[in-house]
Amino acid sequence: MEVLQWILFAGIILTSVLSVINSFKSRRAQAIAERGLYAARTNIYMGIMLMLIALIQMLMFSGSTLRVIIGAVFLVIGLFNLFAGLRNRSAYQAMNRTP
């Protein structure tokens, strides 16, 4: 159980760093399609991070009702961010392909 906790914690740290990096790249990009692509990646990493936080809330601690509810909310928000990021990523990639 402790190994799983460290793996989830490392995943949260990694996705947080990637989210911040892509957020900075998004703000500095000149082209609209490039800016959107970095913003979509930010959403994807943020969604994964929120889902990992939800897993920690649900699996690592005692199963109190409040913890399960908070974990479920984080899971839903994380899934929404992930799917929105994937949708936006495909749209901006298509925009980059057309001349």
N, C-alpha and C. Protein backbone atom coordinates (compact mmCIF):
# COMPACT_ATOMS: atom_id res chain seq x y z
N MET A 1 0.82 -1.19 0.00
CA MET A 1 0.00 0.00 0.00
C MET A 1 0.87 1.25 0.00
N GLU A 2 2.00 1.18 0.69
CA GLU A 2 2.90 2.33 0.75
C GLU A 2 3.54 2.60 -0.62
N VAL A 3 3.82 1.55 -1.38
CA VAL A 3 4.39 1.72 -2.71
C VAL A 3 3.39 2.43 -3.62
N LEU A 4 2.13 2.03 -3.54
CA LEU A 4 1.09 2.68 -4.33
C LEU A 4 0.97 4.15 -3.98
N GLN A 5 1.09 4.47 -2.72
CA GLN A 5 1.02 5.85 -2.28
C GLN A 5 2.17 6.67 -2.88
N TRP A 6 3.38 6.11 -2.90
CA TRP A 6 4.51 6.83 -3.48
C TRP A 6 4.38 6.97 -4.99
N ILE A 7 3.84 5.97 -5.65
CA ILE A 7 3.63 6.04 -7.10
C ILE A 7 2.61 7.13 -7.43
N LEU A 8 1.51 7.17 -6.68
CA LEU A 8 0.50 8.20 -6.92
C LEU A 8 1.05 9.59 -6.61
N PHE A 9 1.84 9.71 -5.54
CA PHE A 9 2.43 10.99 -5.19
C PHE A 9 3.40 11.47 -6.27
N ALA A 10 4.22 10.55 -6.80
CA ALA A 10 5.15 10.89 -7.88
C ALA A 10 4.38 11.31 -9.14
N GLY A 11 3.28 10.63 -9.41
CA GLY A 11 2.45 11.00 -10.56
C GLY A 11 1.86 12.39 -10.41
N ILE A 12 1.45 12.74 -9.20
CA ILE A 12 0.90 14.07 -8.95
C ILE A 12 1.97 15.13 -9.16
N ILE A 13 3.17 14.89 -8.65
CA ILE A 13 4.26 15.84 -8.82
C ILE A 13 4.61 16.01 -10.30
N LEU A 14 4.72 14.90 -11.03
CA LEU A 14 5.07 14.94 -12.45
C LEU A 14 4.02 15.69 -13.26
N THR A 15 2.75 15.36 -13.06
CA THR A 15 1.71 16.03 -13.83
C THR A 15 1.57 17.50 -13.45
N SER A 16 1.86 17.84 -12.20
CA SER A 16 1.85 19.25 -11.79
C SER A 16 2.93 20.03 -12.53
N VAL A 17 4.13 19.47 -12.59
CA VAL A 17 5.23 20.14 -13.27
C VAL A 17 4.93 20.28 -14.76
N LEU A 18 4.44 19.23 -15.38
CA LEU A 18 4.11 19.29 -16.80
C LEU A 18 2.98 20.29 -17.08
N SER A 19 2.03 20.37 -16.17
CA SER A 19 0.94 21.32 -16.32
C SER A 19 1.45 22.76 -16.26
N VAL A 20 2.34 23.04 -15.33
CA VAL A 20 2.90 24.39 -15.20
C VAL A 20 3.75 24.74 -16.42
N ILE A 21 4.56 23.81 -16.89
CA ILE A 21 5.40 24.06 -18.06
C ILE A 21 4.54 24.38 -19.28
N ASN A 22 3.50 23.58 -19.52
CA ASN A 22 2.65 23.81 -20.67
C ASN A 22 1.83 25.09 -20.52
N SER A 23 1.49 25.45 -19.30
CA SER A 23 0.78 26.70 -19.07
C SER A 23 1.65 27.89 -19.44
N PHE A 24 2.92 27.86 -19.04
CA PHE A 24 3.84 28.94 -19.42
C PHE A 24 4.04 28.99 -20.93
N LYS A 25 4.20 27.83 -21.56
CA LYS A 25 4.36 27.79 -23.01
C LYS A 25 3.12 28.33 -23.72
N SER A 26 1.96 28.03 -23.16
CA SER A 26 0.71 28.51 -23.74
C SER A 26 0.65 30.03 -23.70
N ARG A 27 1.08 30.61 -22.61
CA ARG A 27 1.02 32.07 -22.47
C ARG A 27 2.05 32.78 -23.34
N ARG A 28 3.15 32.11 -23.64
CA ARG A 28 4.22 32.74 -24.43
C ARG A 28 4.10 32.49 -25.93
N ALA A 29 3.26 31.55 -26.33
CA ALA A 29 3.15 31.20 -27.75
C ALA A 29 2.51 32.36 -28.52
N GLN A 30 2.99 32.58 -29.73
CA GLN A 30 2.48 33.65 -30.57
C GLN A 30 1.29 33.19 -31.42
N ALA A 31 1.41 32.01 -32.01
CA ALA A 31 0.35 31.51 -32.90
C ALA A 31 -0.82 30.99 -32.07
N ILE A 32 -2.02 31.24 -32.57
CA ILE A 32 -3.23 30.82 -31.85
C ILE A 32 -3.32 29.30 -31.74
N ALA A 33 -2.99 28.61 -32.83
CA ALA A 33 -3.06 27.15 -32.81
C ALA A 33 -2.05 26.56 -31.83
N GLU A 34 -0.87 27.13 -31.79
CA GLU A 34 0.16 26.64 -30.86
C GLU A 34 -0.26 26.93 -29.41
N ARG A 35 -0.81 28.11 -29.17
CA ARG A 35 -1.28 28.46 -27.84
C ARG A 35 -2.38 27.51 -27.38
N GLY A 36 -3.31 27.21 -28.27
CA GLY A 36 -4.40 26.29 -27.94
C GLY A 36 -3.91 24.88 -27.67
N LEU A 37 -2.89 24.46 -28.43
CA LEU A 37 -2.34 23.12 -28.24
C LEU A 37 -1.69 22.99 -26.87
N TYR A 38 -0.94 24.00 -26.45
CA TYR A 38 -0.33 23.97 -25.12
C TYR A 38 -1.39 24.05 -24.02
N ALA A 39 -2.43 24.84 -24.24
CA ALA A 39 -3.51 24.93 -23.25
C ALA A 39 -4.24 23.59 -23.13
N ALA A 40 -4.42 22.90 -24.25
CA ALA A 40 -5.07 21.59 -24.22
C ALA A 40 -4.21 20.59 -23.44
N ARG A 41 -2.91 20.64 -23.66
CA ARG A 41 -2.02 19.75 -22.89
C ARG A 41 -2.08 20.07 -21.40
N THR A 42 -2.18 21.36 -21.07
CA THR A 42 -2.32 21.75 -19.67
C THR A 42 -3.57 21.12 -19.07
N ASN A 43 -4.69 21.17 -19.82
CA ASN A 43 -5.93 20.56 -19.34
C ASN A 43 -5.78 19.05 -19.16
N ILE A 44 -5.10 18.40 -20.07
CA ILE A 44 -4.91 16.96 -19.98
C ILE A 44 -4.12 16.61 -18.72
N TYR A 45 -3.00 17.30 -18.51
CA TYR A 45 -2.19 17.00 -17.33
C TYR A 45 -2.92 17.36 -16.04
N MET A 46 -3.68 18.45 -16.06
CA MET A 46 -4.43 18.83 -14.87
C MET A 46 -5.52 17.79 -14.56
N GLY A 47 -6.15 17.27 -15.60
CA GLY A 47 -7.16 16.23 -15.40
C GLY A 47 -6.57 14.97 -14.80
N ILE A 48 -5.42 14.57 -15.30
CA ILE A 48 -4.75 13.39 -14.75
C ILE A 48 -4.36 13.63 -13.30
N MET A 49 -3.85 14.84 -13.02
CA MET A 49 -3.46 15.16 -11.65
C MET A 49 -4.66 15.10 -10.70
N LEU A 50 -5.78 15.66 -11.11
CA LEU A 50 -6.97 15.63 -10.26
C LEU A 50 -7.48 14.21 -10.05
N MET A 51 -7.39 13.37 -11.07
CA MET A 51 -7.81 11.99 -10.90
C MET A 51 -6.88 11.24 -9.94
N LEU A 52 -5.58 11.53 -9.99
CA LEU A 52 -4.65 10.91 -9.05
C LEU A 52 -4.92 11.37 -7.62
N ILE A 53 -5.24 12.65 -7.46
CA ILE A 53 -5.59 13.15 -6.13
C ILE A 53 -6.84 12.45 -5.62
N ALA A 54 -7.81 12.25 -6.51
CA ALA A 54 -9.04 11.55 -6.13
C ALA A 54 -8.74 10.12 -5.71
N LEU A 55 -7.84 9.46 -6.43
CA LEU A 55 -7.47 8.09 -6.06
C LEU A 55 -6.82 8.04 -4.68
N ILE A 56 -5.97 9.01 -4.40
CA ILE A 56 -5.35 9.05 -3.07
C ILE A 56 -6.42 9.25 -2.01
N GLN A 57 -7.36 10.16 -2.26
CA GLN A 57 -8.43 10.41 -1.29
C GLN A 57 -9.27 9.17 -1.04
N MET A 58 -9.55 8.43 -2.10
CA MET A 58 -10.44 7.28 -1.96
C MET A 58 -9.74 6.02 -1.45
N LEU A 59 -8.46 5.85 -1.78
CA LEU A 59 -7.78 4.59 -1.46
C LEU A 59 -6.89 4.63 -0.23
N MET A 60 -6.30 5.76 0.03
CA MET A 60 -5.25 5.79 1.05
C MET A 60 -5.75 6.06 2.46
N PHE A 61 -6.85 6.73 2.59
CA PHE A 61 -7.30 7.13 3.92
C PHE A 61 -8.56 6.37 4.29
N SER A 62 -8.97 6.52 5.53
CA SER A 62 -10.18 5.83 5.98
C SER A 62 -11.37 6.29 5.16
N GLY A 63 -12.31 5.42 4.99
CA GLY A 63 -13.43 5.67 4.10
C GLY A 63 -14.53 6.53 4.68
N SER A 64 -14.19 7.72 5.15
CA SER A 64 -15.23 8.60 5.66
C SER A 64 -16.06 9.12 4.49
N THR A 65 -17.28 9.47 4.77
CA THR A 65 -18.20 9.92 3.73
C THR A 65 -17.70 11.19 3.06
N LEU A 66 -17.21 12.13 3.84
CA LEU A 66 -16.73 13.39 3.30
C LEU A 66 -15.55 13.17 2.35
N ARG A 67 -14.62 12.30 2.72
CA ARG A 67 -13.48 12.00 1.86
C ARG A 67 -13.90 11.36 0.54
N VAL A 68 -14.86 10.47 0.61
CA VAL A 68 -15.34 9.82 -0.61
C VAL A 68 -16.03 10.84 -1.52
N ILE A 69 -16.81 11.74 -0.93
CA ILE A 69 -17.50 12.77 -1.73
C ILE A 69 -16.48 13.71 -2.37
N ILE A 70 -15.49 14.15 -1.61
CA ILE A 70 -14.46 15.03 -2.16
C ILE A 70 -13.68 14.31 -3.26
N GLY A 71 -13.35 13.06 -3.04
CA GLY A 71 -12.66 12.27 -4.05
C GLY A 71 -13.49 12.12 -5.31
N ALA A 72 -14.79 11.91 -5.15
CA ALA A 72 -15.67 11.77 -6.32
C ALA A 72 -15.75 13.08 -7.09
N VAL A 73 -15.80 14.20 -6.38
CA VAL A 73 -15.84 15.51 -7.05
C VAL A 73 -14.55 15.74 -7.82
N PHE A 74 -13.40 15.45 -7.21
CA PHE A 74 -12.13 15.59 -7.90
C PHE A 74 -12.05 14.67 -9.12
N LEU A 75 -12.58 13.48 -8.99
CA LEU A 75 -12.57 12.53 -10.11
C LEU A 75 -13.41 13.06 -11.27
N VAL A 76 -14.57 13.59 -10.99
CA VAL A 76 -15.44 14.12 -12.05
C VAL A 76 -14.80 15.33 -12.72
N ILE A 77 -14.25 16.24 -11.93
CA ILE A 77 -13.59 17.42 -12.50
C ILE A 77 -12.37 17.00 -13.31
N GLY A 78 -11.62 16.02 -12.81
CA GLY A 78 -10.46 15.53 -13.54
C GLY A 78 -10.84 14.89 -14.87
N LEU A 79 -11.89 14.09 -14.86
CA LEU A 79 -12.36 13.48 -16.11
C LEU A 79 -12.81 14.54 -17.11
N PHE A 80 -13.51 15.56 -16.62
CA PHE A 80 -13.96 16.64 -17.49
C PHE A 80 -12.75 17.36 -18.11
N ASN A 81 -11.74 17.69 -17.29
CA ASN A 81 -10.54 18.34 -17.82
C ASN A 81 -9.82 17.46 -18.83
N LEU A 82 -9.73 16.18 -18.54
CA LEU A 82 -9.05 15.26 -19.45
C LEU A 82 -9.75 15.20 -20.80
N PHE A 83 -11.07 15.01 -20.79
CA PHE A 83 -11.79 14.90 -22.06
C PHE A 83 -11.84 16.22 -22.80
N ALA A 84 -11.96 17.34 -22.09
CA ALA A 84 -11.94 18.65 -22.74
C ALA A 84 -10.56 18.90 -23.37
N GLY A 85 -9.51 18.53 -22.67
CA GLY A 85 -8.17 18.69 -23.21
C GLY A 85 -7.93 17.83 -24.43
N LEU A 86 -8.40 16.59 -24.39
CA LEU A 86 -8.24 15.70 -25.56
C LEU A 86 -9.03 16.23 -26.76
N ARG A 87 -10.24 16.72 -26.52
CA ARG A 87 -11.06 17.27 -27.60
C ARG A 87 -10.39 18.51 -28.20
N ASN A 88 -9.93 19.42 -27.34
CA ASN A 88 -9.28 20.63 -27.82
C ASN A 88 -7.97 20.33 -28.53
N ARG A 89 -7.25 19.35 -28.02
CA ARG A 89 -5.98 18.96 -28.65
C ARG A 89 -6.20 18.48 -30.08
N SER A 90 -7.21 17.65 -30.28
CA SER A 90 -7.47 17.17 -31.64
C SER A 90 -7.92 18.31 -32.55
N ALA A 91 -8.67 19.27 -32.02
CA ALA A 91 -9.12 20.40 -32.83
C ALA A 91 -7.94 21.29 -33.22
N TYR A 92 -7.05 21.57 -32.27
CA TYR A 92 -5.91 22.43 -32.59
C TYR A 92 -4.87 21.73 -33.44
N GLN A 93 -4.75 20.41 -33.32
CA GLN A 93 -3.84 19.68 -34.21
C GLN A 93 -4.36 19.74 -35.64
N ALA A 94 -5.67 19.64 -35.81
CA ALA A 94 -6.25 19.74 -37.14
C ALA A 94 -6.02 21.15 -37.71
N MET A 95 -6.08 22.16 -36.84
CA MET A 95 -5.85 23.53 -37.27
C MET A 95 -4.40 23.72 -37.71
N ASN A 96 -3.47 23.03 -37.06
CA ASN A 96 -2.05 23.13 -37.44
C ASN A 96 -1.78 22.44 -38.76
N ARG A 97 -2.55 21.42 -39.10
CA ARG A 97 -2.30 20.66 -40.34
C ARG A 97 -2.76 21.41 -41.58
N THR A 98 -3.82 22.20 -41.45
CA THR A 98 -4.34 22.91 -42.63
C THR A 98 -3.49 24.15 -42.90
N PRO A 99 -3.10 24.35 -44.15
CA PRO A 99 -2.23 25.51 -44.49
C PRO A 99 -2.98 26.82 -44.47
